[in-house]
Amino acid sequence: MIKTTIPILETDRLVLRAPCDDDFEPFAAFFADPQSRPIGGPVPRDVAWRKLATMAGHWMLRGFGMWAIEEKATGDFSGFCGPWFPDGWTEPEIGWSLMLGKTGRGFATEAALAARDYAYRTLGWSTAISLIASDNEPSKRVAERLGARFEEVRTIPFQGHELTADIYRHPSPEDLGLRKAG
């Protein structure tokens, strides 16, 4: 098992930090709402708790994962974002989702840029995708703002069933002029 300390990343308006128990109430509210459908919701509270625990556990098992997004101005838990590659996943992904009432402010783009930079510079990834539900137009716009381009539609195993999603390919580290840290 990998033992890790979850790093903290900061952007102009956000702190990307470890998920914590205090995040659960807005997390559960989001996953109870139909807006969570593109990422496996709505689900009951106990399933939402397991989803949050999975995010924290991914860090322990893989050494990277989704950060909780905290808005600097308010201290609010505003969503989650980060490098993601659970067992059975098609390839390394940069994922994001914002909580209820937190969309439309550029938080997903700002957080995803920091997460992708970390994946490329620190983790040494040479490529990344974002899997986006075909009807999730807001996430497609975020991917496009990140410079990712639609590549194909894939069907992948997801929570005991098959999920059909659009694959958006991010620019490579070389395309972005990035050098690996260290």
N, C-alpha and C. Protein backbone atom coordinates (compact mmCIF):
# COMPACT_ATOMS: atom_id res chain seq x y z
N MET A 1 0.84 -1.17 0.00
CA MET A 1 0.00 0.00 0.00
C MET A 1 0.89 1.24 0.00
N ILE A 2 0.48 2.22 -0.76
CA ILE A 2 1.19 3.50 -0.79
C ILE A 2 0.73 4.34 0.38
N LYS A 3 1.66 4.87 1.13
CA LYS A 3 1.31 5.81 2.17
C LYS A 3 1.66 7.19 1.63
N THR A 4 0.72 8.10 1.74
CA THR A 4 0.94 9.40 1.12
C THR A 4 0.36 10.52 1.97
N THR A 5 0.96 11.65 1.82
CA THR A 5 0.39 12.88 2.33
C THR A 5 -0.22 13.59 1.14
N ILE A 6 -1.46 13.99 1.27
CA ILE A 6 -2.13 14.65 0.16
C ILE A 6 -1.64 16.10 0.09
N PRO A 7 -0.99 16.47 -1.01
CA PRO A 7 -0.47 17.83 -1.12
C PRO A 7 -1.61 18.84 -1.23
N ILE A 8 -1.31 20.07 -0.91
CA ILE A 8 -2.26 21.17 -1.06
C ILE A 8 -1.79 22.01 -2.24
N LEU A 9 -2.69 22.27 -3.16
CA LEU A 9 -2.40 23.16 -4.29
C LEU A 9 -3.24 24.42 -4.12
N GLU A 10 -2.68 25.55 -4.53
CA GLU A 10 -3.43 26.81 -4.48
C GLU A 10 -3.43 27.46 -5.85
N THR A 11 -4.57 28.03 -6.18
CA THR A 11 -4.71 28.84 -7.39
C THR A 11 -5.10 30.24 -6.90
N ASP A 12 -5.41 31.12 -7.82
CA ASP A 12 -5.80 32.48 -7.40
C ASP A 12 -6.98 32.47 -6.45
N ARG A 13 -7.99 31.64 -6.74
CA ARG A 13 -9.23 31.69 -5.96
C ARG A 13 -9.54 30.42 -5.18
N LEU A 14 -8.72 29.38 -5.37
CA LEU A 14 -9.07 28.08 -4.81
C LEU A 14 -7.93 27.44 -4.06
N VAL A 15 -8.31 26.56 -3.13
CA VAL A 15 -7.38 25.66 -2.47
C VAL A 15 -7.83 24.25 -2.82
N LEU A 16 -6.91 23.46 -3.35
CA LEU A 16 -7.18 22.05 -3.60
C LEU A 16 -6.53 21.29 -2.46
N ARG A 17 -7.36 20.62 -1.68
CA ARG A 17 -6.90 20.00 -0.43
C ARG A 17 -7.50 18.61 -0.28
N ALA A 18 -7.09 17.92 0.76
CA ALA A 18 -7.60 16.58 1.03
C ALA A 18 -9.10 16.63 1.31
N PRO A 19 -9.84 15.64 0.81
CA PRO A 19 -11.25 15.53 1.20
C PRO A 19 -11.34 15.28 2.70
N CYS A 20 -12.37 15.79 3.34
CA CYS A 20 -12.54 15.58 4.78
C CYS A 20 -14.01 15.39 5.13
N ASP A 21 -14.25 14.96 6.34
CA ASP A 21 -15.60 14.67 6.81
C ASP A 21 -16.52 15.89 6.73
N ASP A 22 -15.97 17.08 6.92
CA ASP A 22 -16.78 18.31 6.84
C ASP A 22 -17.35 18.54 5.44
N ASP A 23 -16.77 17.89 4.44
CA ASP A 23 -17.26 18.03 3.06
C ASP A 23 -18.52 17.19 2.81
N PHE A 24 -18.82 16.29 3.73
CA PHE A 24 -19.85 15.31 3.43
C PHE A 24 -21.25 15.89 3.21
N GLU A 25 -21.70 16.84 4.00
CA GLU A 25 -23.08 17.34 3.84
C GLU A 25 -23.31 17.95 2.45
N PRO A 26 -22.45 18.88 1.98
CA PRO A 26 -22.69 19.37 0.61
C PRO A 26 -22.48 18.29 -0.45
N PHE A 27 -21.57 17.36 -0.18
CA PHE A 27 -21.32 16.24 -1.10
C PHE A 27 -22.58 15.37 -1.20
N ALA A 28 -23.16 15.03 -0.07
CA ALA A 28 -24.38 14.20 -0.05
C ALA A 28 -25.54 14.93 -0.70
N ALA A 29 -25.65 16.24 -0.46
CA ALA A 29 -26.72 17.03 -1.10
C ALA A 29 -26.57 17.02 -2.62
N PHE A 30 -25.34 17.17 -3.08
CA PHE A 30 -25.09 17.12 -4.52
C PHE A 30 -25.48 15.77 -5.09
N PHE A 31 -25.05 14.68 -4.45
CA PHE A 31 -25.33 13.36 -4.98
C PHE A 31 -26.78 12.92 -4.78
N ALA A 32 -27.57 13.66 -4.03
CA ALA A 32 -29.01 13.40 -3.92
C ALA A 32 -29.78 14.11 -5.02
N ASP A 33 -29.14 15.07 -5.69
CA ASP A 33 -29.79 15.91 -6.69
C ASP A 33 -29.64 15.32 -8.09
N PRO A 34 -30.65 15.51 -8.96
CA PRO A 34 -30.53 15.03 -10.34
C PRO A 34 -29.33 15.60 -11.11
N GLN A 35 -28.80 16.76 -10.68
CA GLN A 35 -27.63 17.32 -11.37
C GLN A 35 -26.40 16.41 -11.28
N SER A 36 -26.43 15.46 -10.37
CA SER A 36 -25.30 14.53 -10.23
C SER A 36 -25.38 13.36 -11.20
N ARG A 37 -26.41 13.28 -12.01
CA ARG A 37 -26.61 12.15 -12.93
C ARG A 37 -25.38 11.89 -13.82
N PRO A 38 -24.72 12.90 -14.39
CA PRO A 38 -23.58 12.60 -15.27
C PRO A 38 -22.42 11.87 -14.60
N ILE A 39 -22.38 11.88 -13.27
CA ILE A 39 -21.27 11.20 -12.58
C ILE A 39 -21.79 10.14 -11.60
N GLY A 40 -22.92 9.53 -11.95
CA GLY A 40 -23.37 8.37 -11.19
C GLY A 40 -24.44 8.62 -10.15
N GLY A 41 -25.02 9.80 -10.08
CA GLY A 41 -26.09 10.07 -9.12
C GLY A 41 -27.43 10.00 -9.79
N PRO A 42 -28.46 10.37 -9.11
CA PRO A 42 -28.54 10.54 -7.66
C PRO A 42 -28.39 9.20 -6.92
N VAL A 43 -27.86 9.32 -5.69
CA VAL A 43 -27.68 8.14 -4.84
C VAL A 43 -28.06 8.49 -3.40
N PRO A 44 -28.37 7.48 -2.58
CA PRO A 44 -28.66 7.73 -1.18
C PRO A 44 -27.41 8.17 -0.41
N ARG A 45 -27.62 8.70 0.79
CA ARG A 45 -26.52 9.22 1.62
C ARG A 45 -25.42 8.19 1.84
N ASP A 46 -25.80 6.93 2.12
CA ASP A 46 -24.78 5.94 2.42
C ASP A 46 -23.88 5.69 1.20
N VAL A 47 -24.44 5.74 0.00
CA VAL A 47 -23.64 5.57 -1.21
C VAL A 47 -22.78 6.82 -1.44
N ALA A 48 -23.33 7.99 -1.17
CA ALA A 48 -22.53 9.23 -1.28
C ALA A 48 -21.34 9.18 -0.33
N TRP A 49 -21.55 8.68 0.87
CA TRP A 49 -20.44 8.58 1.82
C TRP A 49 -19.36 7.66 1.27
N ARG A 50 -19.76 6.55 0.66
CA ARG A 50 -18.78 5.64 0.08
C ARG A 50 -18.04 6.28 -1.09
N LYS A 51 -18.72 7.11 -1.86
CA LYS A 51 -18.06 7.83 -2.96
C LYS A 51 -16.98 8.77 -2.40
N LEU A 52 -17.31 9.50 -1.34
CA LEU A 52 -16.33 10.40 -0.73
C LEU A 52 -15.15 9.59 -0.16
N ALA A 53 -15.45 8.46 0.48
CA ALA A 53 -14.39 7.60 1.02
C ALA A 53 -13.51 7.04 -0.09
N THR A 54 -14.12 6.73 -1.23
CA THR A 54 -13.35 6.24 -2.38
C THR A 54 -12.36 7.29 -2.86
N MET A 55 -12.80 8.56 -2.87
CA MET A 55 -11.88 9.63 -3.29
C MET A 55 -10.67 9.70 -2.36
N ALA A 56 -10.92 9.64 -1.06
CA ALA A 56 -9.81 9.67 -0.11
C ALA A 56 -8.95 8.42 -0.25
N GLY A 57 -9.59 7.26 -0.43
CA GLY A 57 -8.86 6.01 -0.55
C GLY A 57 -8.01 5.91 -1.80
N HIS A 58 -8.45 6.55 -2.88
CA HIS A 58 -7.67 6.55 -4.13
C HIS A 58 -6.28 7.13 -3.87
N TRP A 59 -6.22 8.17 -3.05
CA TRP A 59 -4.92 8.75 -2.70
C TRP A 59 -4.03 7.71 -2.01
N MET A 60 -4.58 6.94 -1.10
CA MET A 60 -3.79 5.96 -0.36
C MET A 60 -3.32 4.81 -1.26
N LEU A 61 -4.17 4.41 -2.21
CA LEU A 61 -3.83 3.27 -3.06
C LEU A 61 -2.98 3.64 -4.28
N ARG A 62 -3.20 4.81 -4.83
CA ARG A 62 -2.50 5.21 -6.05
C ARG A 62 -1.46 6.30 -5.82
N GLY A 63 -1.55 7.02 -4.71
CA GLY A 63 -0.62 8.11 -4.46
C GLY A 63 -1.04 9.42 -5.10
N PHE A 64 -2.23 9.45 -5.67
CA PHE A 64 -2.83 10.66 -6.25
C PHE A 64 -4.34 10.46 -6.27
N GLY A 65 -5.05 11.53 -6.55
CA GLY A 65 -6.51 11.40 -6.61
C GLY A 65 -7.18 12.76 -6.69
N MET A 66 -8.47 12.74 -6.38
CA MET A 66 -9.28 13.95 -6.41
C MET A 66 -9.03 14.78 -5.15
N TRP A 67 -8.82 16.06 -5.37
CA TRP A 67 -8.78 17.00 -4.26
C TRP A 67 -10.18 17.55 -4.02
N ALA A 68 -10.42 17.98 -2.81
CA ALA A 68 -11.59 18.79 -2.52
C ALA A 68 -11.24 20.21 -2.97
N ILE A 69 -12.19 20.87 -3.61
CA ILE A 69 -11.99 22.26 -4.04
C ILE A 69 -12.61 23.15 -2.98
N GLU A 70 -11.80 24.04 -2.43
CA GLU A 70 -12.28 24.99 -1.43
C GLU A 70 -12.12 26.40 -1.97
N GLU A 71 -13.18 27.16 -1.90
CA GLU A 71 -13.14 28.55 -2.35
C GLU A 71 -12.44 29.39 -1.28
N LYS A 72 -11.36 30.07 -1.68
CA LYS A 72 -10.60 30.88 -0.72
C LYS A 72 -11.44 31.96 -0.06
N ALA A 73 -12.26 32.65 -0.84
CA ALA A 73 -13.02 33.79 -0.32
C ALA A 73 -14.02 33.40 0.76
N THR A 74 -14.56 32.19 0.70
CA THR A 74 -15.62 31.79 1.63
C THR A 74 -15.25 30.61 2.51
N GLY A 75 -14.25 29.83 2.10
CA GLY A 75 -13.93 28.60 2.80
C GLY A 75 -14.88 27.46 2.46
N ASP A 76 -15.80 27.68 1.52
CA ASP A 76 -16.78 26.66 1.14
C ASP A 76 -16.14 25.51 0.37
N PHE A 77 -16.58 24.30 0.69
CA PHE A 77 -16.28 23.15 -0.15
C PHE A 77 -17.11 23.33 -1.42
N SER A 78 -16.44 23.41 -2.55
CA SER A 78 -17.11 23.77 -3.80
C SER A 78 -17.12 22.68 -4.85
N GLY A 79 -16.40 21.58 -4.63
CA GLY A 79 -16.39 20.50 -5.59
C GLY A 79 -15.18 19.62 -5.40
N PHE A 80 -14.86 18.87 -6.43
CA PHE A 80 -13.69 18.02 -6.39
C PHE A 80 -13.08 17.95 -7.78
N CYS A 81 -11.79 17.70 -7.82
CA CYS A 81 -11.05 17.72 -9.09
C CYS A 81 -9.72 17.02 -8.87
N GLY A 82 -9.24 16.34 -9.91
CA GLY A 82 -7.92 15.78 -9.80
C GLY A 82 -7.64 14.66 -10.77
N PRO A 83 -6.40 14.15 -10.70
CA PRO A 83 -6.02 13.00 -11.51
C PRO A 83 -6.70 11.75 -10.95
N TRP A 84 -7.19 10.90 -11.86
CA TRP A 84 -8.04 9.78 -11.46
C TRP A 84 -7.72 8.58 -12.34
N PHE A 85 -7.46 7.43 -11.72
CA PHE A 85 -7.18 6.24 -12.51
C PHE A 85 -7.48 5.00 -11.67
N PRO A 86 -8.76 4.76 -11.34
CA PRO A 86 -9.11 3.57 -10.57
C PRO A 86 -8.97 2.31 -11.42
N ASP A 87 -8.94 1.18 -10.77
CA ASP A 87 -8.85 -0.09 -11.46
C ASP A 87 -9.98 -0.21 -12.49
N GLY A 88 -9.60 -0.66 -13.69
CA GLY A 88 -10.58 -0.85 -14.75
C GLY A 88 -10.86 0.38 -15.59
N TRP A 89 -10.29 1.52 -15.18
CA TRP A 89 -10.52 2.76 -15.94
C TRP A 89 -9.77 2.69 -17.25
N THR A 90 -10.27 3.36 -18.24
CA THR A 90 -9.73 3.25 -19.59
C THR A 90 -8.30 3.79 -19.72
N GLU A 91 -8.00 4.93 -19.09
CA GLU A 91 -6.65 5.49 -19.03
C GLU A 91 -6.68 6.66 -18.05
N PRO A 92 -5.51 7.21 -17.68
CA PRO A 92 -5.49 8.29 -16.68
C PRO A 92 -6.36 9.47 -17.10
N GLU A 93 -7.11 9.97 -16.12
CA GLU A 93 -8.09 11.02 -16.37
C GLU A 93 -7.86 12.22 -15.46
N ILE A 94 -8.22 13.38 -15.96
CA ILE A 94 -8.40 14.57 -15.12
C ILE A 94 -9.91 14.75 -15.01
N GLY A 95 -10.42 14.65 -13.79
CA GLY A 95 -11.86 14.75 -13.57
C GLY A 95 -12.20 15.94 -12.70
N TRP A 96 -13.45 16.38 -12.79
CA TRP A 96 -13.93 17.51 -11.98
C TRP A 96 -15.43 17.45 -11.85
N SER A 97 -15.91 18.03 -10.79
CA SER A 97 -17.35 18.25 -10.61
C SER A 97 -17.52 19.31 -9.53
N LEU A 98 -18.51 20.16 -9.72
CA LEU A 98 -18.77 21.22 -8.75
C LEU A 98 -20.07 20.97 -8.01
N MET A 99 -20.10 21.40 -6.76
CA MET A 99 -21.28 21.23 -5.93
C MET A 99 -22.41 22.16 -6.39
N LEU A 100 -23.58 21.94 -5.85
CA LEU A 100 -24.75 22.75 -6.19
C LEU A 100 -24.48 24.22 -5.88
N GLY A 101 -24.81 25.09 -6.81
CA GLY A 101 -24.63 26.53 -6.63
C GLY A 101 -23.22 27.03 -6.86
N LYS A 102 -22.31 26.18 -7.28
CA LYS A 102 -20.91 26.59 -7.45
C LYS A 102 -20.47 26.64 -8.91
N THR A 103 -21.40 26.42 -9.83
CA THR A 103 -21.05 26.41 -11.25
C THR A 103 -21.09 27.83 -11.83
N GLY A 104 -20.53 27.97 -13.02
CA GLY A 104 -20.60 29.23 -13.76
C GLY A 104 -19.62 30.30 -13.32
N ARG A 105 -18.64 29.93 -12.52
CA ARG A 105 -17.65 30.91 -12.03
C ARG A 105 -16.22 30.59 -12.47
N GLY A 106 -16.07 29.55 -13.26
CA GLY A 106 -14.74 29.18 -13.72
C GLY A 106 -13.95 28.32 -12.74
N PHE A 107 -14.57 27.86 -11.65
CA PHE A 107 -13.85 27.06 -10.67
C PHE A 107 -13.35 25.74 -11.26
N ALA A 108 -14.17 25.06 -12.07
CA ALA A 108 -13.76 23.77 -12.62
C ALA A 108 -12.53 23.93 -13.51
N THR A 109 -12.54 24.96 -14.35
CA THR A 109 -11.40 25.19 -15.24
C THR A 109 -10.14 25.51 -14.43
N GLU A 110 -10.28 26.40 -13.45
CA GLU A 110 -9.13 26.80 -12.63
C GLU A 110 -8.55 25.60 -11.87
N ALA A 111 -9.41 24.79 -11.29
CA ALA A 111 -8.95 23.62 -10.53
C ALA A 111 -8.33 22.58 -11.47
N ALA A 112 -8.98 22.34 -12.61
CA ALA A 112 -8.49 21.32 -13.55
C ALA A 112 -7.14 21.70 -14.14
N LEU A 113 -6.91 22.98 -14.39
CA LEU A 113 -5.59 23.41 -14.88
C LEU A 113 -4.51 23.07 -13.87
N ALA A 114 -4.77 23.33 -12.59
CA ALA A 114 -3.80 23.02 -11.53
C ALA A 114 -3.60 21.51 -11.41
N ALA A 115 -4.70 20.76 -11.49
CA ALA A 115 -4.62 19.30 -11.37
C ALA A 115 -3.85 18.69 -12.54
N ARG A 116 -4.12 19.17 -13.75
CA ARG A 116 -3.40 18.65 -14.92
C ARG A 116 -1.92 18.98 -14.84
N ASP A 117 -1.59 20.20 -14.43
CA ASP A 117 -0.20 20.59 -14.27
C ASP A 117 0.50 19.64 -13.28
N TYR A 118 -0.17 19.32 -12.17
CA TYR A 118 0.37 18.40 -11.18
C TYR A 118 0.57 17.01 -11.79
N ALA A 119 -0.44 16.53 -12.53
CA ALA A 119 -0.33 15.20 -13.14
C ALA A 119 0.84 15.13 -14.10
N TYR A 120 1.04 16.17 -14.88
CA TYR A 120 2.12 16.16 -15.86
C TYR A 120 3.48 16.40 -15.20
N ARG A 121 3.58 17.42 -14.37
CA ARG A 121 4.89 17.77 -13.80
C ARG A 121 5.32 16.85 -12.67
N THR A 122 4.41 16.54 -11.77
CA THR A 122 4.78 15.78 -10.57
C THR A 122 4.63 14.28 -10.76
N LEU A 123 3.52 13.86 -11.37
CA LEU A 123 3.28 12.43 -11.56
C LEU A 123 3.95 11.89 -12.82
N GLY A 124 4.36 12.79 -13.72
CA GLY A 124 5.04 12.36 -14.93
C GLY A 124 4.13 11.80 -16.01
N TRP A 125 2.83 12.09 -15.94
CA TRP A 125 1.92 11.61 -16.97
C TRP A 125 2.31 12.21 -18.32
N SER A 126 2.17 11.42 -19.36
CA SER A 126 2.47 11.92 -20.70
C SER A 126 1.21 12.25 -21.49
N THR A 127 0.06 11.86 -20.94
CA THR A 127 -1.23 12.15 -21.57
C THR A 127 -2.31 12.10 -20.50
N ALA A 128 -3.45 12.65 -20.82
CA ALA A 128 -4.61 12.58 -19.92
C ALA A 128 -5.87 12.76 -20.77
N ILE A 129 -6.92 12.11 -20.29
CA ILE A 129 -8.23 12.29 -20.91
C ILE A 129 -9.19 12.83 -19.87
N SER A 130 -10.34 13.24 -20.32
CA SER A 130 -11.48 13.48 -19.45
C SER A 130 -12.65 12.72 -20.05
N LEU A 131 -13.28 11.88 -19.24
CA LEU A 131 -14.47 11.12 -19.64
C LEU A 131 -15.68 11.98 -19.28
N ILE A 132 -16.49 12.30 -20.27
CA ILE A 132 -17.61 13.20 -20.04
C ILE A 132 -18.88 12.58 -20.59
N ALA A 133 -19.92 12.52 -19.76
CA ALA A 133 -21.21 12.02 -20.23
C ALA A 133 -21.62 12.81 -21.46
N SER A 134 -22.14 12.10 -22.45
CA SER A 134 -22.43 12.71 -23.75
C SER A 134 -23.38 13.90 -23.68
N ASP A 135 -24.24 13.94 -22.66
CA ASP A 135 -25.18 15.06 -22.54
C ASP A 135 -24.72 16.13 -21.56
N ASN A 136 -23.47 16.05 -21.09
CA ASN A 136 -22.97 17.01 -20.10
C ASN A 136 -22.25 18.17 -20.81
N GLU A 137 -23.03 19.06 -21.37
CA GLU A 137 -22.47 20.19 -22.13
C GLU A 137 -21.58 21.10 -21.30
N PRO A 138 -21.93 21.42 -20.03
CA PRO A 138 -21.02 22.28 -19.24
C PRO A 138 -19.62 21.68 -19.08
N SER A 139 -19.53 20.37 -18.83
CA SER A 139 -18.20 19.76 -18.70
C SER A 139 -17.46 19.72 -20.02
N LYS A 140 -18.18 19.56 -21.11
CA LYS A 140 -17.52 19.61 -22.42
C LYS A 140 -16.90 20.99 -22.64
N ARG A 141 -17.61 22.03 -22.23
CA ARG A 141 -17.06 23.39 -22.38
C ARG A 141 -15.82 23.59 -21.50
N VAL A 142 -15.82 23.03 -20.30
CA VAL A 142 -14.62 23.09 -19.45
C VAL A 142 -13.46 22.40 -20.16
N ALA A 143 -13.70 21.19 -20.67
CA ALA A 143 -12.64 20.45 -21.37
C ALA A 143 -12.07 21.28 -22.52
N GLU A 144 -12.95 21.89 -23.28
CA GLU A 144 -12.49 22.70 -24.41
C GLU A 144 -11.70 23.93 -23.95
N ARG A 145 -12.10 24.55 -22.83
CA ARG A 145 -11.32 25.68 -22.29
C ARG A 145 -9.93 25.22 -21.85
N LEU A 146 -9.82 23.95 -21.47
CA LEU A 146 -8.53 23.38 -21.08
C LEU A 146 -7.68 22.99 -22.29
N GLY A 147 -8.24 23.14 -23.48
CA GLY A 147 -7.52 22.77 -24.69
C GLY A 147 -7.72 21.32 -25.08
N ALA A 148 -8.56 20.58 -24.34
CA ALA A 148 -8.83 19.19 -24.68
C ALA A 148 -9.76 19.14 -25.89
N ARG A 149 -9.60 18.10 -26.68
CA ARG A 149 -10.37 17.95 -27.91
C ARG A 149 -11.09 16.61 -27.91
N PHE A 150 -12.33 16.63 -28.41
CA PHE A 150 -13.10 15.40 -28.53
C PHE A 150 -12.31 14.40 -29.37
N GLU A 151 -12.24 13.16 -28.86
CA GLU A 151 -11.50 12.12 -29.56
C GLU A 151 -12.43 11.00 -30.05
N GLU A 152 -13.28 10.50 -29.17
CA GLU A 152 -14.17 9.40 -29.54
C GLU A 152 -15.19 9.17 -28.43
N VAL A 153 -16.14 8.30 -28.73
CA VAL A 153 -17.09 7.82 -27.72
C VAL A 153 -16.63 6.43 -27.32
N ARG A 154 -16.56 6.17 -25.99
CA ARG A 154 -16.17 4.85 -25.49
C ARG A 154 -17.20 4.35 -24.49
N THR A 155 -17.29 3.05 -24.39
CA THR A 155 -18.10 2.42 -23.36
C THR A 155 -17.14 1.79 -22.37
N ILE A 156 -17.33 2.12 -21.08
CA ILE A 156 -16.43 1.64 -20.03
C ILE A 156 -17.25 1.05 -18.89
N PRO A 157 -16.64 0.13 -18.10
CA PRO A 157 -17.34 -0.35 -16.91
C PRO A 157 -17.41 0.76 -15.87
N PHE A 158 -18.58 0.94 -15.28
CA PHE A 158 -18.77 2.03 -14.30
C PHE A 158 -19.83 1.61 -13.30
N GLN A 159 -19.42 1.39 -12.06
CA GLN A 159 -20.31 1.07 -10.95
C GLN A 159 -21.28 -0.07 -11.28
N GLY A 160 -20.73 -1.14 -11.85
CA GLY A 160 -21.52 -2.32 -12.10
C GLY A 160 -22.32 -2.34 -13.39
N HIS A 161 -22.16 -1.31 -14.21
CA HIS A 161 -22.83 -1.30 -15.52
C HIS A 161 -21.90 -0.66 -16.54
N GLU A 162 -22.35 -0.55 -17.75
CA GLU A 162 -21.56 0.06 -18.81
C GLU A 162 -21.94 1.53 -18.95
N LEU A 163 -20.97 2.39 -19.08
CA LEU A 163 -21.17 3.83 -19.25
C LEU A 163 -20.62 4.22 -20.61
N THR A 164 -21.42 4.92 -21.37
CA THR A 164 -20.94 5.46 -22.64
C THR A 164 -20.60 6.93 -22.41
N ALA A 165 -19.38 7.31 -22.73
CA ALA A 165 -18.91 8.67 -22.46
C ALA A 165 -18.09 9.18 -23.62
N ASP A 166 -18.07 10.49 -23.76
CA ASP A 166 -17.20 11.14 -24.73
C ASP A 166 -15.80 11.25 -24.12
N ILE A 167 -14.81 10.94 -24.91
CA ILE A 167 -13.42 11.07 -24.48
C ILE A 167 -12.87 12.38 -25.03
N TYR A 168 -12.37 13.21 -24.13
CA TYR A 168 -11.68 14.44 -24.52
C TYR A 168 -10.21 14.25 -24.17
N ARG A 169 -9.33 14.42 -25.14
CA ARG A 169 -7.88 14.25 -24.98
C ARG A 169 -7.26 15.61 -24.67
N HIS A 170 -6.51 15.68 -23.57
CA HIS A 170 -5.82 16.92 -23.20
C HIS A 170 -4.55 17.08 -24.01
N PRO A 171 -4.12 18.32 -24.20
CA PRO A 171 -2.81 18.53 -24.83
C PRO A 171 -1.73 17.83 -24.01
N SER A 172 -0.69 17.36 -24.66
CA SER A 172 0.41 16.69 -23.97
C SER A 172 1.23 17.72 -23.20
N PRO A 173 2.07 17.25 -22.26
CA PRO A 173 2.96 18.19 -21.57
C PRO A 173 3.84 18.96 -22.56
N GLU A 174 4.32 18.28 -23.59
CA GLU A 174 5.15 18.94 -24.59
C GLU A 174 4.38 20.03 -25.32
N ASP A 175 3.13 19.73 -25.68
CA ASP A 175 2.28 20.72 -26.35
C ASP A 175 2.07 21.96 -25.48
N LEU A 176 2.08 21.75 -24.16
CA LEU A 176 1.88 22.86 -23.22
C LEU A 176 3.19 23.51 -22.79
N GLY A 177 4.32 22.97 -23.23
CA GLY A 177 5.62 23.54 -22.87
C GLY A 177 6.00 23.27 -21.43
N LEU A 178 5.51 22.16 -20.86
CA LEU A 178 5.77 21.84 -19.46
C LEU A 178 7.00 20.96 -19.31
N ARG A 179 7.68 21.16 -18.23
CA ARG A 179 8.81 20.29 -17.86
C ARG A 179 8.47 19.62 -16.55
N LYS A 180 8.92 18.39 -16.41
CA LYS A 180 8.69 17.63 -15.19
C LYS A 180 9.41 18.29 -14.02
N ALA A 181 8.76 18.29 -12.85
CA ALA A 181 9.36 18.87 -11.63
C ALA A 181 10.55 18.03 -11.20
N GLY A 182 11.47 18.69 -10.51
CA GLY A 182 12.57 17.99 -9.90
C GLY A 182 13.72 17.82 -10.77
